[in-house]
Amino acid sequence: MKPAIALPEVHVFEPKVFGDARGFFYESFNERRFAEQTGLGDAVPHFVQDNHSKSAHNVLRGLHYQIRQPQGKLVRVIAGAVFDVAVDVRKSSPTFGRWFGTTLSAENQKQMWIPVGFAHGFVVLSETAEFLYKTTDYWAPEHERCIRWDDPAIGIDWPITDAPLLSGKDAGGSLLADAELFA
């Protein structure tokens, strides 16, 4: 099993939250701050689609990516908690096949940037979780690919004890060695 490592292109953001007895406020996206924190400068991607999913405990979604019309994703959780994972699927990358994971929750309000060239997945740790993500290209099911969540070549240390609940697509994902990947 490969241990999780920091992947230079994957970023976790912790917003400044302003709270009092009435509740809280935080800025969930600021293009200028995003550019500074990711180091992308003027190459900040343009987000074209926002998605919202709700999943039950132990649902695992992923590992997904689009080989054409690739998507960068800025992800966050607004209810519950998930363990969120990015896997480098760029064959020419020095971190090819390595993964990084972190807990995103409504409580910690963290966000994670998963750039183009990375597969993405998450498992729900709470009773339910609502997951929001911005994408840099439109969903194109004909170009979507899925790598098995439990591929031993990747060795993700998912924080689960029971078999996860999977869609048919996710249960039938490819092994990394057999997957169509980025150059």
N, C-alpha and C. Protein backbone atom coordinates (compact mmCIF):
# COMPACT_ATOMS: atom_id res chain seq x y z
N MET A 1 0.84 -1.18 0.00
CA MET A 1 0.00 0.00 0.00
C MET A 1 0.88 1.24 0.00
N LYS A 2 0.62 2.13 -0.96
CA LYS A 2 1.36 3.38 -1.02
C LYS A 2 0.76 4.37 -0.02
N PRO A 3 1.57 5.01 0.78
CA PRO A 3 1.00 6.01 1.70
C PRO A 3 0.57 7.26 0.95
N ALA A 4 -0.36 7.99 1.50
CA ALA A 4 -0.77 9.26 0.92
C ALA A 4 0.41 10.21 0.96
N ILE A 5 0.52 11.01 -0.09
CA ILE A 5 1.57 12.02 -0.12
C ILE A 5 0.95 13.34 -0.52
N ALA A 6 1.65 14.40 -0.23
CA ALA A 6 1.21 15.70 -0.72
C ALA A 6 1.45 15.71 -2.23
N LEU A 7 0.46 16.10 -2.98
CA LEU A 7 0.59 16.25 -4.42
C LEU A 7 0.64 17.74 -4.71
N PRO A 8 1.72 18.23 -5.34
CA PRO A 8 1.93 19.67 -5.46
C PRO A 8 0.77 20.44 -6.11
N GLU A 9 0.05 19.80 -7.02
CA GLU A 9 -1.03 20.51 -7.71
C GLU A 9 -2.35 20.46 -6.98
N VAL A 10 -2.49 19.59 -6.00
CA VAL A 10 -3.73 19.47 -5.23
C VAL A 10 -3.62 20.38 -4.01
N HIS A 11 -4.64 21.20 -3.81
CA HIS A 11 -4.60 22.18 -2.71
C HIS A 11 -5.82 22.05 -1.82
N VAL A 12 -5.60 22.19 -0.51
CA VAL A 12 -6.68 22.23 0.46
C VAL A 12 -6.76 23.67 0.98
N PHE A 13 -7.97 24.21 0.95
CA PHE A 13 -8.21 25.58 1.39
C PHE A 13 -9.00 25.57 2.69
N GLU A 14 -8.59 26.44 3.61
CA GLU A 14 -9.33 26.63 4.86
C GLU A 14 -9.77 28.08 4.91
N PRO A 15 -11.05 28.33 4.69
CA PRO A 15 -11.52 29.72 4.63
C PRO A 15 -11.50 30.39 6.00
N LYS A 16 -11.43 31.71 5.96
CA LYS A 16 -11.61 32.49 7.19
C LYS A 16 -13.11 32.55 7.44
N VAL A 17 -13.52 32.05 8.59
CA VAL A 17 -14.94 32.01 8.94
C VAL A 17 -15.20 33.06 10.00
N PHE A 18 -16.20 33.89 9.76
CA PHE A 18 -16.59 34.93 10.70
C PHE A 18 -17.91 34.50 11.32
N GLY A 19 -17.85 34.15 12.60
CA GLY A 19 -19.03 33.63 13.26
C GLY A 19 -19.34 34.35 14.55
N ASP A 20 -20.61 34.33 14.89
CA ASP A 20 -21.06 34.86 16.17
C ASP A 20 -22.35 34.13 16.54
N ALA A 21 -23.08 34.65 17.50
CA ALA A 21 -24.29 33.99 17.98
C ALA A 21 -25.36 33.84 16.89
N ARG A 22 -25.28 34.65 15.85
CA ARG A 22 -26.27 34.59 14.76
C ARG A 22 -25.99 33.48 13.76
N GLY A 23 -24.72 33.02 13.69
CA GLY A 23 -24.34 32.03 12.69
C GLY A 23 -22.93 32.33 12.19
N PHE A 24 -22.70 32.20 10.89
CA PHE A 24 -21.38 32.45 10.34
C PHE A 24 -21.48 32.97 8.92
N PHE A 25 -20.36 33.51 8.46
CA PHE A 25 -20.19 33.96 7.09
C PHE A 25 -18.79 33.60 6.66
N TYR A 26 -18.64 33.10 5.44
CA TYR A 26 -17.33 32.99 4.82
C TYR A 26 -17.46 33.07 3.32
N GLU A 27 -16.39 33.51 2.70
CA GLU A 27 -16.33 33.62 1.26
C GLU A 27 -15.94 32.25 0.72
N SER A 28 -16.83 31.59 -0.02
CA SER A 28 -16.53 30.23 -0.48
C SER A 28 -15.69 30.20 -1.75
N PHE A 29 -15.63 31.29 -2.49
CA PHE A 29 -14.74 31.36 -3.65
C PHE A 29 -14.38 32.80 -3.93
N ASN A 30 -13.10 33.02 -4.16
CA ASN A 30 -12.57 34.32 -4.55
C ASN A 30 -11.48 34.02 -5.57
N GLU A 31 -11.68 34.42 -6.82
CA GLU A 31 -10.76 34.08 -7.89
C GLU A 31 -9.33 34.56 -7.61
N ARG A 32 -9.20 35.75 -7.10
CA ARG A 32 -7.86 36.30 -6.80
C ARG A 32 -7.14 35.45 -5.76
N ARG A 33 -7.84 35.11 -4.68
CA ARG A 33 -7.25 34.29 -3.62
C ARG A 33 -6.93 32.88 -4.13
N PHE A 34 -7.83 32.32 -4.95
CA PHE A 34 -7.62 31.01 -5.55
C PHE A 34 -6.34 31.02 -6.40
N ALA A 35 -6.16 32.05 -7.19
CA ALA A 35 -4.96 32.18 -8.05
C ALA A 35 -3.69 32.25 -7.22
N GLU A 36 -3.74 33.00 -6.13
CA GLU A 36 -2.57 33.12 -5.26
C GLU A 36 -2.25 31.80 -4.57
N GLN A 37 -3.27 31.14 -4.02
CA GLN A 37 -3.03 29.93 -3.24
C GLN A 37 -2.63 28.73 -4.10
N THR A 38 -3.11 28.68 -5.33
CA THR A 38 -2.75 27.56 -6.21
C THR A 38 -1.48 27.84 -7.00
N GLY A 39 -1.07 29.10 -7.06
CA GLY A 39 0.08 29.47 -7.88
C GLY A 39 -0.25 29.54 -9.36
N LEU A 40 -1.53 29.53 -9.71
CA LEU A 40 -1.92 29.53 -11.12
C LEU A 40 -1.88 30.92 -11.75
N GLY A 41 -1.82 31.97 -10.93
CA GLY A 41 -1.74 33.33 -11.47
C GLY A 41 -2.83 33.60 -12.47
N ASP A 42 -2.42 34.07 -13.67
CA ASP A 42 -3.39 34.40 -14.72
C ASP A 42 -3.99 33.16 -15.39
N ALA A 43 -3.50 31.98 -15.04
CA ALA A 43 -4.00 30.74 -15.65
C ALA A 43 -5.13 30.10 -14.84
N VAL A 44 -5.80 30.90 -14.00
CA VAL A 44 -6.91 30.37 -13.20
C VAL A 44 -7.97 29.83 -14.15
N PRO A 45 -8.43 28.61 -13.90
CA PRO A 45 -9.45 28.05 -14.78
C PRO A 45 -10.79 28.77 -14.61
N HIS A 46 -11.56 28.70 -15.65
CA HIS A 46 -12.92 29.25 -15.65
C HIS A 46 -13.87 28.13 -15.26
N PHE A 47 -14.67 28.34 -14.24
CA PHE A 47 -15.62 27.33 -13.81
C PHE A 47 -16.91 27.48 -14.62
N VAL A 48 -17.43 26.34 -15.12
CA VAL A 48 -18.59 26.37 -16.01
C VAL A 48 -19.80 25.64 -15.46
N GLN A 49 -19.63 24.85 -14.40
CA GLN A 49 -20.74 24.05 -13.90
C GLN A 49 -20.59 23.86 -12.40
N ASP A 50 -21.70 23.95 -11.67
CA ASP A 50 -21.73 23.63 -10.25
C ASP A 50 -22.60 22.38 -10.08
N ASN A 51 -22.15 21.44 -9.24
CA ASN A 51 -22.88 20.20 -8.99
C ASN A 51 -23.11 20.04 -7.49
N HIS A 52 -24.19 19.35 -7.15
CA HIS A 52 -24.57 19.13 -5.76
C HIS A 52 -25.06 17.69 -5.65
N SER A 53 -24.42 16.91 -4.78
CA SER A 53 -24.88 15.54 -4.57
C SER A 53 -25.14 15.31 -3.09
N LYS A 54 -26.04 14.38 -2.81
CA LYS A 54 -26.31 13.96 -1.45
C LYS A 54 -26.16 12.44 -1.43
N SER A 55 -25.43 11.95 -0.43
CA SER A 55 -25.16 10.52 -0.35
C SER A 55 -25.30 10.05 1.09
N ALA A 56 -25.63 8.76 1.23
CA ALA A 56 -25.79 8.14 2.54
C ALA A 56 -24.43 7.66 3.07
N HIS A 57 -24.43 7.31 4.35
CA HIS A 57 -23.22 6.78 5.00
C HIS A 57 -22.64 5.62 4.19
N ASN A 58 -21.33 5.62 4.05
CA ASN A 58 -20.55 4.55 3.43
C ASN A 58 -20.70 4.48 1.91
N VAL A 59 -21.40 5.45 1.30
CA VAL A 59 -21.42 5.53 -0.16
C VAL A 59 -20.05 6.00 -0.61
N LEU A 60 -19.48 5.31 -1.58
CA LEU A 60 -18.21 5.71 -2.16
C LEU A 60 -18.45 6.01 -3.63
N ARG A 61 -18.07 7.20 -4.02
CA ARG A 61 -18.21 7.65 -5.42
C ARG A 61 -16.81 7.86 -5.98
N GLY A 62 -16.53 7.21 -7.09
CA GLY A 62 -15.22 7.41 -7.72
C GLY A 62 -14.49 6.11 -7.92
N LEU A 63 -13.39 6.25 -8.46
CA LEU A 63 -12.52 7.38 -8.78
C LEU A 63 -12.81 7.83 -10.21
N HIS A 64 -13.31 9.03 -10.41
CA HIS A 64 -13.78 9.52 -11.69
C HIS A 64 -12.84 10.57 -12.28
N TYR A 65 -12.83 10.59 -13.61
CA TYR A 65 -12.17 11.66 -14.37
C TYR A 65 -12.70 11.59 -15.80
N GLN A 66 -12.49 12.65 -16.55
CA GLN A 66 -12.87 12.68 -17.96
C GLN A 66 -11.60 12.77 -18.79
N ILE A 67 -11.43 11.84 -19.70
CA ILE A 67 -10.22 11.77 -20.51
C ILE A 67 -10.22 12.86 -21.59
N ARG A 68 -11.38 13.18 -22.12
CA ARG A 68 -11.55 14.33 -23.01
C ARG A 68 -12.51 15.26 -22.28
N GLN A 69 -12.45 16.54 -22.59
CA GLN A 69 -13.18 17.53 -21.80
C GLN A 69 -12.83 17.35 -20.32
N PRO A 70 -11.53 17.26 -19.99
CA PRO A 70 -11.14 17.02 -18.59
C PRO A 70 -11.61 18.14 -17.68
N GLN A 71 -11.89 17.76 -16.46
CA GLN A 71 -12.42 18.71 -15.48
C GLN A 71 -11.48 18.90 -14.31
N GLY A 72 -11.20 20.15 -13.98
CA GLY A 72 -10.68 20.48 -12.67
C GLY A 72 -11.88 20.64 -11.76
N LYS A 73 -11.73 20.30 -10.48
CA LYS A 73 -12.86 20.38 -9.56
C LYS A 73 -12.45 21.09 -8.27
N LEU A 74 -13.28 22.02 -7.84
CA LEU A 74 -13.14 22.65 -6.52
C LEU A 74 -14.30 22.11 -5.69
N VAL A 75 -13.97 21.31 -4.66
CA VAL A 75 -14.99 20.54 -3.94
C VAL A 75 -15.10 20.97 -2.48
N ARG A 76 -16.31 20.82 -1.94
CA ARG A 76 -16.54 21.10 -0.52
C ARG A 76 -17.79 20.37 -0.05
N VAL A 77 -17.94 20.27 1.26
CA VAL A 77 -19.08 19.61 1.88
C VAL A 77 -19.86 20.65 2.67
N ILE A 78 -21.19 20.66 2.49
CA ILE A 78 -22.02 21.62 3.23
C ILE A 78 -22.87 20.97 4.31
N ALA A 79 -22.92 19.63 4.31
CA ALA A 79 -23.61 18.90 5.38
C ALA A 79 -22.92 17.55 5.52
N GLY A 80 -22.58 17.20 6.75
CA GLY A 80 -21.93 15.92 7.00
C GLY A 80 -20.42 15.97 6.77
N ALA A 81 -19.84 14.79 6.46
CA ALA A 81 -18.39 14.68 6.29
C ALA A 81 -18.06 13.58 5.29
N VAL A 82 -17.00 13.80 4.53
CA VAL A 82 -16.49 12.80 3.59
C VAL A 82 -14.98 12.72 3.71
N PHE A 83 -14.43 11.59 3.28
CA PHE A 83 -12.99 11.47 3.06
C PHE A 83 -12.82 11.62 1.56
N ASP A 84 -12.13 12.68 1.14
CA ASP A 84 -12.01 13.06 -0.26
C ASP A 84 -10.62 12.72 -0.77
N VAL A 85 -10.54 12.17 -1.99
CA VAL A 85 -9.28 11.65 -2.53
C VAL A 85 -9.03 12.14 -3.95
N ALA A 86 -7.78 12.48 -4.23
CA ALA A 86 -7.30 12.78 -5.58
C ALA A 86 -6.18 11.80 -5.90
N VAL A 87 -6.18 11.27 -7.14
CA VAL A 87 -5.15 10.34 -7.60
C VAL A 87 -4.56 10.89 -8.90
N ASP A 88 -3.25 10.99 -8.96
CA ASP A 88 -2.56 11.47 -10.17
C ASP A 88 -2.65 10.38 -11.24
N VAL A 89 -3.31 10.68 -12.36
CA VAL A 89 -3.44 9.72 -13.46
C VAL A 89 -2.77 10.23 -14.74
N ARG A 90 -1.69 10.99 -14.55
CA ARG A 90 -0.88 11.48 -15.67
C ARG A 90 0.35 10.58 -15.77
N LYS A 91 0.43 9.77 -16.82
CA LYS A 91 1.51 8.78 -16.96
C LYS A 91 2.91 9.41 -16.90
N SER A 92 3.06 10.63 -17.37
CA SER A 92 4.39 11.27 -17.40
C SER A 92 4.74 11.99 -16.10
N SER A 93 3.85 11.99 -15.14
CA SER A 93 4.07 12.72 -13.89
C SER A 93 4.96 11.94 -12.92
N PRO A 94 5.84 12.64 -12.20
CA PRO A 94 6.64 11.95 -11.18
C PRO A 94 5.80 11.41 -10.02
N THR A 95 4.56 11.87 -9.89
CA THR A 95 3.68 11.37 -8.82
C THR A 95 2.56 10.49 -9.39
N PHE A 96 2.76 9.95 -10.59
CA PHE A 96 1.75 9.08 -11.22
C PHE A 96 1.36 7.94 -10.28
N GLY A 97 0.03 7.75 -10.14
CA GLY A 97 -0.48 6.66 -9.32
C GLY A 97 -0.49 6.94 -7.83
N ARG A 98 0.00 8.10 -7.41
CA ARG A 98 0.00 8.45 -5.99
C ARG A 98 -1.30 9.16 -5.65
N TRP A 99 -1.65 9.12 -4.38
CA TRP A 99 -2.91 9.69 -3.95
C TRP A 99 -2.73 10.61 -2.75
N PHE A 100 -3.71 11.48 -2.58
CA PHE A 100 -3.80 12.34 -1.41
C PHE A 100 -5.25 12.35 -0.97
N GLY A 101 -5.48 12.27 0.33
CA GLY A 101 -6.84 12.31 0.86
C GLY A 101 -6.92 13.16 2.11
N THR A 102 -8.09 13.74 2.32
CA THR A 102 -8.34 14.55 3.51
C THR A 102 -9.83 14.53 3.82
N THR A 103 -10.16 14.83 5.06
CA THR A 103 -11.56 14.92 5.45
C THR A 103 -12.08 16.32 5.17
N LEU A 104 -13.17 16.37 4.44
CA LEU A 104 -13.90 17.61 4.20
C LEU A 104 -15.23 17.48 4.93
N SER A 105 -15.61 18.54 5.63
CA SER A 105 -16.87 18.46 6.37
C SER A 105 -17.53 19.83 6.46
N ALA A 106 -18.81 19.80 6.81
CA ALA A 106 -19.51 21.06 7.06
C ALA A 106 -18.87 21.77 8.24
N GLU A 107 -18.37 21.00 9.19
CA GLU A 107 -17.76 21.59 10.38
C GLU A 107 -16.43 22.27 10.07
N ASN A 108 -15.52 21.59 9.33
CA ASN A 108 -14.21 22.21 9.08
C ASN A 108 -14.22 23.16 7.89
N GLN A 109 -15.23 23.11 7.04
CA GLN A 109 -15.45 24.01 5.92
C GLN A 109 -14.28 24.07 4.94
N LYS A 110 -13.44 23.03 4.94
CA LYS A 110 -12.32 22.98 4.00
C LYS A 110 -12.83 22.71 2.59
N GLN A 111 -12.01 23.13 1.63
CA GLN A 111 -12.26 22.85 0.23
C GLN A 111 -11.00 22.22 -0.35
N MET A 112 -11.16 21.45 -1.43
CA MET A 112 -9.99 20.86 -2.08
C MET A 112 -10.08 21.12 -3.58
N TRP A 113 -8.94 21.50 -4.15
CA TRP A 113 -8.81 21.71 -5.59
C TRP A 113 -8.17 20.46 -6.19
N ILE A 114 -8.89 19.84 -7.12
CA ILE A 114 -8.39 18.68 -7.85
C ILE A 114 -8.24 19.11 -9.31
N PRO A 115 -7.01 19.30 -9.78
CA PRO A 115 -6.82 19.80 -11.15
C PRO A 115 -7.03 18.72 -12.21
N VAL A 116 -7.06 19.16 -13.45
CA VAL A 116 -7.11 18.25 -14.59
C VAL A 116 -5.94 17.28 -14.48
N GLY A 117 -6.19 16.01 -14.82
CA GLY A 117 -5.14 15.00 -14.76
C GLY A 117 -5.19 14.16 -13.51
N PHE A 118 -6.19 14.39 -12.68
CA PHE A 118 -6.35 13.64 -11.43
C PHE A 118 -7.73 13.00 -11.41
N ALA A 119 -7.79 11.75 -10.94
CA ALA A 119 -9.06 11.10 -10.67
C ALA A 119 -9.52 11.55 -9.29
N HIS A 120 -10.83 11.53 -9.08
CA HIS A 120 -11.40 12.03 -7.83
C HIS A 120 -12.45 11.07 -7.29
N GLY A 121 -12.47 10.93 -5.98
CA GLY A 121 -13.50 10.13 -5.34
C GLY A 121 -13.65 10.52 -3.88
N PHE A 122 -14.74 10.06 -3.28
CA PHE A 122 -14.95 10.31 -1.85
C PHE A 122 -15.84 9.22 -1.27
N VAL A 123 -15.71 9.05 0.05
CA VAL A 123 -16.59 8.15 0.79
C VAL A 123 -17.24 8.95 1.91
N VAL A 124 -18.52 8.70 2.15
CA VAL A 124 -19.27 9.43 3.17
C VAL A 124 -19.00 8.83 4.54
N LEU A 125 -18.57 9.68 5.47
CA LEU A 125 -18.25 9.26 6.84
C LEU A 125 -19.41 9.48 7.80
N SER A 126 -20.27 10.41 7.50
CA SER A 126 -21.40 10.77 8.37
C SER A 126 -22.66 10.02 7.93
N GLU A 127 -23.77 10.23 8.63
CA GLU A 127 -25.03 9.57 8.26
C GLU A 127 -25.41 9.89 6.82
N THR A 128 -25.29 11.15 6.45
CA THR A 128 -25.44 11.60 5.06
C THR A 128 -24.44 12.73 4.85
N ALA A 129 -24.20 13.07 3.60
CA ALA A 129 -23.34 14.21 3.28
C ALA A 129 -23.84 14.87 2.01
N GLU A 130 -23.77 16.19 2.01
CA GLU A 130 -24.06 16.95 0.80
C GLU A 130 -22.76 17.56 0.32
N PHE A 131 -22.47 17.31 -0.95
CA PHE A 131 -21.18 17.59 -1.56
C PHE A 131 -21.41 18.57 -2.72
N LEU A 132 -20.68 19.68 -2.72
CA LEU A 132 -20.76 20.66 -3.80
C LEU A 132 -19.44 20.72 -4.53
N TYR A 133 -19.50 20.85 -5.85
CA TYR A 133 -18.26 21.06 -6.58
C TYR A 133 -18.46 21.88 -7.84
N LYS A 134 -17.47 22.72 -8.09
CA LYS A 134 -17.40 23.54 -9.28
C LYS A 134 -16.48 22.80 -10.26
N THR A 135 -16.83 22.80 -11.56
CA THR A 135 -16.00 22.13 -12.54
C THR A 135 -15.57 23.10 -13.64
N THR A 136 -14.42 22.78 -14.24
CA THR A 136 -13.86 23.64 -15.29
C THR A 136 -14.31 23.23 -16.69
N ASP A 137 -15.03 22.13 -16.81
CA ASP A 137 -15.63 21.75 -18.08
C ASP A 137 -16.93 21.01 -17.77
N TYR A 138 -17.74 20.87 -18.79
CA TYR A 138 -19.05 20.24 -18.62
C TYR A 138 -18.92 18.73 -18.49
N TRP A 139 -19.88 18.13 -17.80
CA TRP A 139 -19.93 16.68 -17.69
C TRP A 139 -20.16 16.10 -19.07
N ALA A 140 -19.34 15.13 -19.44
CA ALA A 140 -19.44 14.46 -20.73
C ALA A 140 -19.37 12.96 -20.47
N PRO A 141 -20.52 12.30 -20.27
CA PRO A 141 -20.51 10.90 -19.89
C PRO A 141 -19.75 9.99 -20.85
N GLU A 142 -19.71 10.35 -22.13
CA GLU A 142 -18.98 9.53 -23.09
C GLU A 142 -17.47 9.57 -22.89
N HIS A 143 -16.99 10.56 -22.15
CA HIS A 143 -15.55 10.70 -21.89
C HIS A 143 -15.18 10.36 -20.45
N GLU A 144 -16.19 10.07 -19.63
CA GLU A 144 -15.92 9.77 -18.22
C GLU A 144 -15.28 8.39 -18.10
N ARG A 145 -14.30 8.31 -17.22
CA ARG A 145 -13.62 7.06 -16.93
C ARG A 145 -13.66 6.85 -15.42
N CYS A 146 -13.49 5.59 -15.01
CA CYS A 146 -13.55 5.26 -13.59
C CYS A 146 -12.46 4.24 -13.27
N ILE A 147 -11.68 4.52 -12.27
CA ILE A 147 -10.67 3.60 -11.76
C ILE A 147 -11.21 3.00 -10.47
N ARG A 148 -10.95 1.73 -10.26
CA ARG A 148 -11.44 1.04 -9.07
C ARG A 148 -10.96 1.74 -7.79
N TRP A 149 -11.87 1.89 -6.88
CA TRP A 149 -11.59 2.53 -5.59
C TRP A 149 -10.59 1.74 -4.77
N ASP A 150 -10.53 0.43 -5.00
CA ASP A 150 -9.68 -0.46 -4.20
C ASP A 150 -8.49 -1.02 -4.98
N ASP A 151 -8.08 -0.32 -6.03
CA ASP A 151 -6.96 -0.80 -6.85
C ASP A 151 -5.71 -0.91 -5.98
N PRO A 152 -5.15 -2.12 -5.85
CA PRO A 152 -3.97 -2.29 -4.99
C PRO A 152 -2.74 -1.53 -5.50
N ALA A 153 -2.69 -1.21 -6.79
CA ALA A 153 -1.56 -0.44 -7.31
C ALA A 153 -1.56 0.99 -6.77
N ILE A 154 -2.73 1.48 -6.40
CA ILE A 154 -2.84 2.83 -5.82
C ILE A 154 -2.78 2.73 -4.30
N GLY A 155 -3.53 1.82 -3.72
CA GLY A 155 -3.47 1.55 -2.28
C GLY A 155 -4.05 2.64 -1.40
N ILE A 156 -5.20 3.18 -1.78
CA ILE A 156 -5.83 4.22 -0.94
C ILE A 156 -6.25 3.61 0.38
N ASP A 157 -5.92 4.29 1.46
CA ASP A 157 -6.28 3.85 2.81
C ASP A 157 -7.61 4.52 3.19
N TRP A 158 -8.71 3.99 2.64
CA TRP A 158 -10.03 4.53 2.92
C TRP A 158 -10.37 4.29 4.40
N PRO A 159 -10.92 5.28 5.09
CA PRO A 159 -11.26 5.11 6.52
C PRO A 159 -12.63 4.44 6.70
N ILE A 160 -12.74 3.22 6.18
CA ILE A 160 -13.99 2.47 6.28
C ILE A 160 -13.68 1.06 6.77
N THR A 161 -14.68 0.45 7.43
CA THR A 161 -14.49 -0.93 7.91
C THR A 161 -15.37 -1.91 7.15
N ASP A 162 -16.48 -1.44 6.59
CA ASP A 162 -17.39 -2.30 5.83
C ASP A 162 -17.21 -2.02 4.34
N ALA A 163 -17.68 -2.95 3.53
CA ALA A 163 -17.65 -2.74 2.08
C ALA A 163 -18.48 -1.50 1.76
N PRO A 164 -17.96 -0.60 0.91
CA PRO A 164 -18.71 0.61 0.60
C PRO A 164 -19.89 0.32 -0.32
N LEU A 165 -20.83 1.26 -0.34
CA LEU A 165 -21.96 1.20 -1.26
C LEU A 165 -21.52 1.86 -2.57
N LEU A 166 -21.58 1.10 -3.66
CA LEU A 166 -21.07 1.56 -4.95
C LEU A 166 -22.15 1.55 -6.02
N SER A 167 -22.04 2.43 -6.99
CA SER A 167 -22.88 2.34 -8.18
C SER A 167 -22.34 1.21 -9.05
N GLY A 168 -23.12 0.77 -10.02
CA GLY A 168 -22.64 -0.24 -10.95
C GLY A 168 -21.41 0.22 -11.70
N LYS A 169 -21.41 1.49 -12.10
CA LYS A 169 -20.26 2.06 -12.82
C LYS A 169 -19.01 2.01 -11.96
N ASP A 170 -19.13 2.38 -10.69
CA ASP A 170 -17.96 2.41 -9.81
C ASP A 170 -17.48 1.00 -9.48
N ALA A 171 -18.41 0.06 -9.31
CA ALA A 171 -18.03 -1.32 -9.02
C ALA A 171 -17.30 -1.95 -10.21
N GLY A 172 -17.60 -1.47 -11.42
CA GLY A 172 -16.97 -2.01 -12.62
C GLY A 172 -15.81 -1.18 -13.13
N GLY A 173 -15.25 -0.32 -12.29
CA GLY A 173 -14.13 0.53 -12.72
C GLY A 173 -12.92 -0.27 -13.15
N SER A 174 -12.05 0.36 -13.90
CA SER A 174 -10.81 -0.28 -14.39
C SER A 174 -9.72 -0.22 -13.34
N LEU A 175 -8.79 -1.13 -13.46
CA LEU A 175 -7.55 -1.01 -12.69
C LEU A 175 -6.70 0.08 -13.35
N LEU A 176 -5.87 0.73 -12.59
CA LEU A 176 -4.99 1.77 -13.11
C LEU A 176 -4.19 1.26 -14.30
N ALA A 177 -3.67 0.04 -14.21
CA ALA A 177 -2.84 -0.54 -15.27
C ALA A 177 -3.61 -0.70 -16.58
N ASP A 178 -4.94 -0.81 -16.52
CA ASP A 178 -5.75 -1.04 -17.71
C ASP A 178 -6.52 0.20 -18.16
N ALA A 179 -6.44 1.29 -17.41
CA ALA A 179 -7.26 2.47 -17.66
C ALA A 179 -6.69 3.34 -18.77
N GLU A 180 -7.60 4.04 -19.44
CA GLU A 180 -7.19 5.08 -20.38
C GLU A 180 -6.77 6.29 -19.54
N LEU A 181 -5.54 6.76 -19.72
CA LEU A 181 -4.98 7.78 -18.84
C LEU A 181 -4.49 9.00 -19.62
N PHE A 182 -4.12 10.02 -18.90
CA PHE A 182 -3.51 11.20 -19.50
C PHE A 182 -2.05 10.91 -19.81
N ALA A 183 -1.52 11.54 -20.83
CA ALA A 183 -0.11 11.35 -21.21
C ALA A 183 0.83 11.84 -20.12
